[in-house]
Amino acid sequence: MARLPPYQFGIWLAEYLYNRCQLCHIQRSMSHANIASASTASTAKPTFALFNSGLLCEHCQHSISWLPDPFSVDIASNLALPIQAATFYDYPIRQAFRSFKHSEDITKLPLLVHVLRQLPRPTGCNGSNSVIVPMPTTDNRLRQRGFDPVTILSSYLAKHWQIPLWRGVVRIDSTVSQQGLTRSERLANLDDAFRVTELPPVKRLLLFDDIATTGASLQALARALYETVDAQYGTNTSSDSANTNSHNHRFYAYALAHGSN
């Protein structure tokens, strides 16, 4: 039996029993226009209606911009890394994520899981030919925070896509937080920030981070993987699915949200 992601029972309760939108907290089956009239009507619901799935009401679902245009960063000569976010790092996602990341507010996790579910599984990728590579954190940062938000979120992405996680990269403790740094400062901060501890078991590597601002962290992670693969197999690597060859490793990157952190 596959291991459940952290707090999975809480997600099930929020999705199937709580039956209220994770943003506006009205019943998900009720439209905003009908709230006033419904308040004077009977609130009794059939038993089966308590088990409707979903985490946002229709109004809140349509109020958020999903799947912004992807952007790319270079990881080698003639090799770019496409980065796709589920949404923009704006209200209300920004506030929910900050509460989750900095205060370990687990009540915000159902909303963030819903955001992740907007990411479609990459075409041609499955559990046998792909792995998800979560952005590693440092041991020092993990001790300070007490938990790793990316690990928790990536476990739900793995469940959503049915693609396993792979943790063959570690982050060096000498790096500092990327928050508040300019792009040039971010790039300098990430010089030699990652060490690949083993060769990837498959050739489709799906990198994941929580927030993509400039893409510098994902870029540095992809470069570390690229250099390792290149040293082992040569230069036949690509992030372009149209490029096929005998040692073709493909790199893709995904994030919960895109915007200024």
Protein backbone atom coordinates (compact mmCIF):
# COMPACT_ATOMS: atom_id res chain seq x y z
CA MET A 1 0.00 0.00 0.00
CA ALA A 2 1.35 3.42 -0.98
CA ARG A 3 2.26 5.74 1.86
CA LEU A 4 -0.29 8.52 2.37
CA PRO A 5 0.85 12.16 2.12
CA PRO A 6 1.11 14.11 5.40
CA TYR A 7 -2.26 15.25 6.80
CA GLN A 8 -4.16 13.19 4.20
CA PHE A 9 -7.03 12.42 6.59
CA GLY A 10 -7.51 16.15 7.15
CA ILE A 11 -7.68 16.71 3.40
CA TRP A 12 -10.31 13.98 3.09
CA LEU A 13 -12.37 15.57 5.86
CA ALA A 14 -12.14 18.99 4.17
CA GLU A 15 -13.05 17.54 0.78
CA TYR A 16 -15.80 15.07 1.58
CA LEU A 17 -17.30 16.02 4.95
CA TYR A 18 -16.74 19.73 5.59
CA ASN A 19 -18.54 20.55 2.30
CA ARG A 20 -17.63 24.24 2.45
CA CYS A 21 -15.44 26.28 0.16
CA GLN A 22 -11.90 26.72 1.51
CA LEU A 23 -12.00 30.44 0.62
CA CYS A 24 -15.48 31.87 1.21
CA HIS A 25 -16.65 29.00 3.48
CA ILE A 26 -20.14 28.82 2.01
CA GLN A 27 -21.47 25.40 1.06
CA ARG A 28 -19.79 24.40 -2.21
CA SER A 29 -23.08 23.35 -3.79
CA MET A 30 -24.61 26.79 -3.16
CA SER A 31 -24.12 29.77 -5.49
CA HIS A 32 -23.26 33.17 -4.00
CA ALA A 33 -26.37 34.65 -5.58
CA ASN A 34 -28.56 32.25 -3.63
CA ILE A 35 -27.04 32.76 -0.20
CA ALA A 36 -29.62 35.34 0.92
CA SER A 37 -32.61 33.30 -0.17
CA ALA A 38 -31.10 30.11 1.20
CA SER A 39 -30.63 31.67 4.62
CA THR A 40 -34.40 31.78 5.08
CA ALA A 41 -34.97 28.31 3.71
CA SER A 42 -34.40 24.96 5.34
CA THR A 43 -30.73 24.07 5.64
CA ALA A 44 -31.39 20.35 5.79
CA LYS A 45 -29.35 18.41 3.21
CA PRO A 46 -29.66 14.84 1.97
CA THR A 47 -27.06 12.56 3.51
CA PHE A 48 -25.40 11.86 0.15
CA ALA A 49 -24.80 15.62 -0.41
CA LEU A 50 -22.36 15.65 2.51
CA PHE A 51 -19.94 13.56 0.47
CA ASN A 52 -19.60 15.83 -2.56
CA SER A 53 -15.93 16.18 -3.46
CA GLY A 54 -14.04 19.38 -4.22
CA LEU A 55 -12.44 22.13 -2.18
CA LEU A 56 -13.62 25.42 -3.76
CA CYS A 57 -17.04 26.62 -4.75
CA GLU A 58 -17.67 27.50 -8.40
CA HIS A 59 -17.49 31.24 -7.73
CA CYS A 60 -14.07 31.08 -6.04
CA GLN A 61 -12.77 28.61 -8.59
CA HIS A 62 -13.51 31.06 -11.39
CA SER A 63 -12.19 34.06 -9.45
CA ILE A 64 -8.59 32.76 -9.59
CA SER A 65 -6.42 32.83 -12.71
CA TRP A 66 -5.12 29.33 -13.30
CA LEU A 67 -2.13 28.10 -15.31
CA PRO A 68 -0.36 31.34 -16.31
CA ASP A 69 1.82 31.19 -19.40
CA PRO A 70 5.00 29.24 -18.67
CA PHE A 71 8.37 30.98 -18.74
CA SER A 72 11.84 29.55 -19.37
CA VAL A 73 15.35 29.83 -17.96
CA ASP A 74 18.57 28.60 -19.56
CA ILE A 75 20.33 25.64 -18.00
CA ALA A 76 22.92 25.02 -20.70
CA SER A 77 23.83 26.12 -24.21
CA ASN A 78 20.71 25.73 -26.38
CA LEU A 79 18.85 24.11 -23.51
CA ALA A 80 16.02 25.88 -21.68
CA LEU A 81 13.96 24.81 -18.69
CA PRO A 82 10.21 25.52 -19.05
CA ILE A 83 8.54 26.48 -15.76
CA GLN A 84 4.78 26.10 -15.33
CA ALA A 85 2.99 27.43 -12.24
CA ALA A 86 -0.51 26.48 -11.16
CA THR A 87 -1.47 30.13 -10.55
CA PHE A 88 -0.09 33.57 -9.73
CA TYR A 89 1.35 34.41 -6.32
CA ASP A 90 -1.41 36.90 -5.52
CA TYR A 91 -4.27 37.20 -3.04
CA PRO A 92 -5.62 34.86 -1.71
CA ILE A 93 -2.93 32.28 -2.53
CA ARG A 94 -0.13 34.47 -1.17
CA GLN A 95 -1.76 34.87 2.24
CA ALA A 96 -2.64 31.18 2.49
CA PHE A 97 0.84 30.04 1.52
CA ARG A 98 2.59 32.43 3.91
CA SER A 99 0.46 31.19 6.80
CA PHE A 100 1.25 27.61 5.87
CA LYS A 101 5.00 28.15 5.32
CA HIS A 102 5.86 30.55 8.13
CA SER A 103 3.29 29.60 10.80
CA GLU A 104 2.65 25.95 9.89
CA ASP A 105 -1.04 26.76 9.59
CA ILE A 106 -2.31 23.38 8.40
CA THR A 107 -5.83 24.76 7.89
CA LYS A 108 -4.48 26.39 4.69
CA LEU A 109 -3.22 23.09 3.26
CA PRO A 110 -6.54 22.03 1.60
CA LEU A 111 -6.55 25.24 -0.46
CA LEU A 112 -2.93 24.71 -1.50
CA VAL A 113 -3.65 21.09 -2.44
CA HIS A 114 -6.51 22.33 -4.61
CA VAL A 115 -4.11 24.73 -6.31
CA LEU A 116 -1.69 21.88 -7.07
CA ARG A 117 -4.50 19.85 -8.59
CA GLN A 118 -4.84 22.47 -11.33
CA LEU A 119 -1.49 21.31 -12.75
CA PRO A 120 -2.15 18.71 -15.46
CA ARG A 121 0.20 15.77 -15.56
CA PRO A 122 2.86 16.38 -18.24
CA THR A 123 2.10 14.68 -21.54
CA GLY A 124 3.91 11.38 -21.89
CA CYS A 125 4.96 11.24 -18.24
CA ASN A 126 3.90 8.43 -15.93
CA GLY A 127 5.03 6.56 -12.86
CA SER A 128 7.41 4.30 -14.78
CA ASN A 129 9.30 6.85 -16.89
CA SER A 130 9.32 9.98 -14.71
CA VAL A 131 10.13 11.22 -11.20
CA ILE A 132 9.28 14.41 -9.34
CA VAL A 133 12.36 16.15 -7.91
CA PRO A 134 11.29 18.37 -4.96
CA MET A 135 13.36 21.47 -4.26
CA PRO A 136 15.68 20.38 -1.41
CA THR A 137 16.00 22.43 1.75
CA THR A 138 19.02 22.75 4.02
CA ASP A 139 19.32 20.90 7.32
CA ASN A 140 19.68 24.22 9.13
CA ARG A 141 16.50 25.64 7.61
CA LEU A 142 14.62 22.45 8.41
CA ARG A 143 15.69 22.68 12.06
CA GLN A 144 14.64 26.33 12.26
CA ARG A 145 11.24 25.85 10.63
CA GLY A 146 10.46 22.42 12.02
CA PHE A 147 8.93 21.15 8.78
CA ASP A 148 9.48 21.37 5.03
CA PRO A 149 6.57 22.88 3.04
CA VAL A 150 7.95 21.69 -0.32
CA THR A 151 8.13 18.09 0.90
CA ILE A 152 4.49 18.19 1.98
CA LEU A 153 3.25 19.88 -1.20
CA SER A 154 5.31 17.65 -3.50
CA SER A 155 3.85 14.54 -1.87
CA TYR A 156 0.37 15.73 -2.91
CA LEU A 157 1.60 16.49 -6.42
CA ALA A 158 3.02 12.97 -6.59
CA LYS A 159 -0.36 11.58 -5.52
CA HIS A 160 -2.18 13.80 -8.04
CA TRP A 161 0.05 12.76 -10.95
CA GLN A 162 0.73 9.20 -9.74
CA ILE A 163 4.45 9.83 -10.27
CA PRO A 164 6.98 9.02 -7.51
CA LEU A 165 9.24 11.47 -5.71
CA TRP A 166 13.01 11.15 -6.08
CA ARG A 167 15.37 12.65 -3.52
CA GLY A 168 18.75 12.26 -5.15
CA VAL A 169 19.80 15.88 -4.61
CA VAL A 170 20.84 17.66 -1.41
CA ARG A 171 21.15 21.38 -0.72
CA ILE A 172 24.32 22.84 0.75
CA ASP A 173 23.85 24.60 4.11
CA SER A 174 25.92 27.67 3.11
CA THR A 175 23.08 29.18 1.05
CA VAL A 176 20.70 31.73 2.55
CA SER A 177 16.99 32.30 1.92
CA GLN A 178 16.19 33.55 -1.57
CA GLN A 179 13.38 35.78 -0.31
CA GLY A 180 13.99 39.47 -0.99
CA LEU A 181 17.05 38.95 -3.22
CA THR A 182 17.41 40.38 -6.72
CA ARG A 183 17.83 37.96 -9.64
CA SER A 184 21.61 38.48 -9.76
CA GLU A 185 21.83 37.98 -5.99
CA ARG A 186 19.70 34.84 -6.25
CA LEU A 187 21.96 33.39 -8.94
CA ALA A 188 25.12 34.20 -6.95
CA ASN A 189 23.59 32.71 -3.80
CA LEU A 190 22.88 29.46 -5.63
CA ASP A 191 26.38 28.86 -7.01
CA ASP A 192 27.18 25.23 -6.15
CA ALA A 193 24.09 25.12 -3.92
CA PHE A 194 23.08 21.58 -4.90
CA ARG A 195 24.86 18.24 -4.90
CA VAL A 196 23.50 15.24 -6.78
CA THR A 197 24.05 12.12 -4.67
CA GLU A 198 22.98 9.51 -7.23
CA LEU A 199 22.08 9.21 -10.89
CA PRO A 200 18.40 9.76 -11.73
CA PRO A 201 16.59 6.42 -12.20
CA VAL A 202 14.60 7.68 -15.21
CA LYS A 203 15.04 10.23 -17.99
CA ARG A 204 12.08 12.54 -17.37
CA LEU A 205 12.82 14.81 -14.42
CA LEU A 206 9.95 16.98 -13.15
CA LEU A 207 11.38 19.63 -10.82
CA PHE A 208 9.04 21.19 -8.25
CA ASP A 209 9.27 24.27 -6.04
CA ASP A 210 6.62 26.09 -4.02
CA ILE A 211 7.03 29.64 -5.38
CA ALA A 212 8.84 30.50 -8.62
CA THR A 213 9.88 34.16 -8.66
CA THR A 214 12.70 34.44 -11.20
CA GLY A 215 13.16 30.69 -11.54
CA ALA A 216 16.72 30.94 -10.20
CA SER A 217 16.37 28.07 -7.70
CA LEU A 218 14.84 25.74 -10.27
CA GLN A 219 17.49 26.83 -12.76
CA ALA A 220 20.32 25.98 -10.36
CA LEU A 221 18.75 22.64 -9.46
CA ALA A 222 18.30 21.75 -13.15
CA ARG A 223 21.89 22.73 -13.89
CA ALA A 224 23.20 20.47 -11.14
CA LEU A 225 21.21 17.57 -12.55
CA TYR A 226 22.20 18.42 -16.12
CA GLU A 227 25.90 18.51 -15.27
CA THR A 228 25.68 15.15 -13.53
CA VAL A 229 23.83 13.54 -16.43
CA ASP A 230 26.14 15.19 -18.95
CA ALA A 231 29.23 13.88 -17.17
CA GLN A 232 27.81 10.37 -17.24
CA TYR A 233 26.17 10.20 -20.67
CA GLY A 234 27.41 13.13 -22.73
CA THR A 235 25.46 16.10 -24.05
CA ASN A 236 22.35 14.29 -25.32
CA THR A 237 19.91 15.93 -22.91
CA SER A 238 16.88 18.10 -23.55
CA SER A 239 13.88 19.85 -22.09
CA ASP A 240 12.23 19.68 -25.52
CA SER A 241 10.02 16.63 -25.98
CA ALA A 242 10.61 16.77 -29.75
CA ASN A 243 14.30 16.00 -29.25
CA THR A 244 14.90 12.25 -29.12
CA ASN A 245 18.22 10.46 -28.89
CA SER A 246 19.86 7.54 -27.14
CA HIS A 247 20.55 9.34 -23.83
CA ASN A 248 17.79 11.92 -23.83
CA HIS A 249 17.06 13.28 -20.33
CA ARG A 250 14.21 15.77 -20.30
CA PHE A 251 13.82 18.53 -17.75
CA TYR A 252 10.56 20.23 -16.80
CA ALA A 253 9.77 22.48 -13.83
CA TYR A 254 6.57 23.23 -11.94
CA ALA A 255 5.58 25.50 -9.06
CA LEU A 256 2.58 26.14 -6.88
CA ALA A 257 2.59 29.82 -7.90
CA HIS A 258 4.57 32.36 -9.90
CA GLY A 259 5.29 35.87 -8.62
CA SER A 260 7.29 37.96 -6.21
CA ASN A 261 7.96 36.12 -2.97
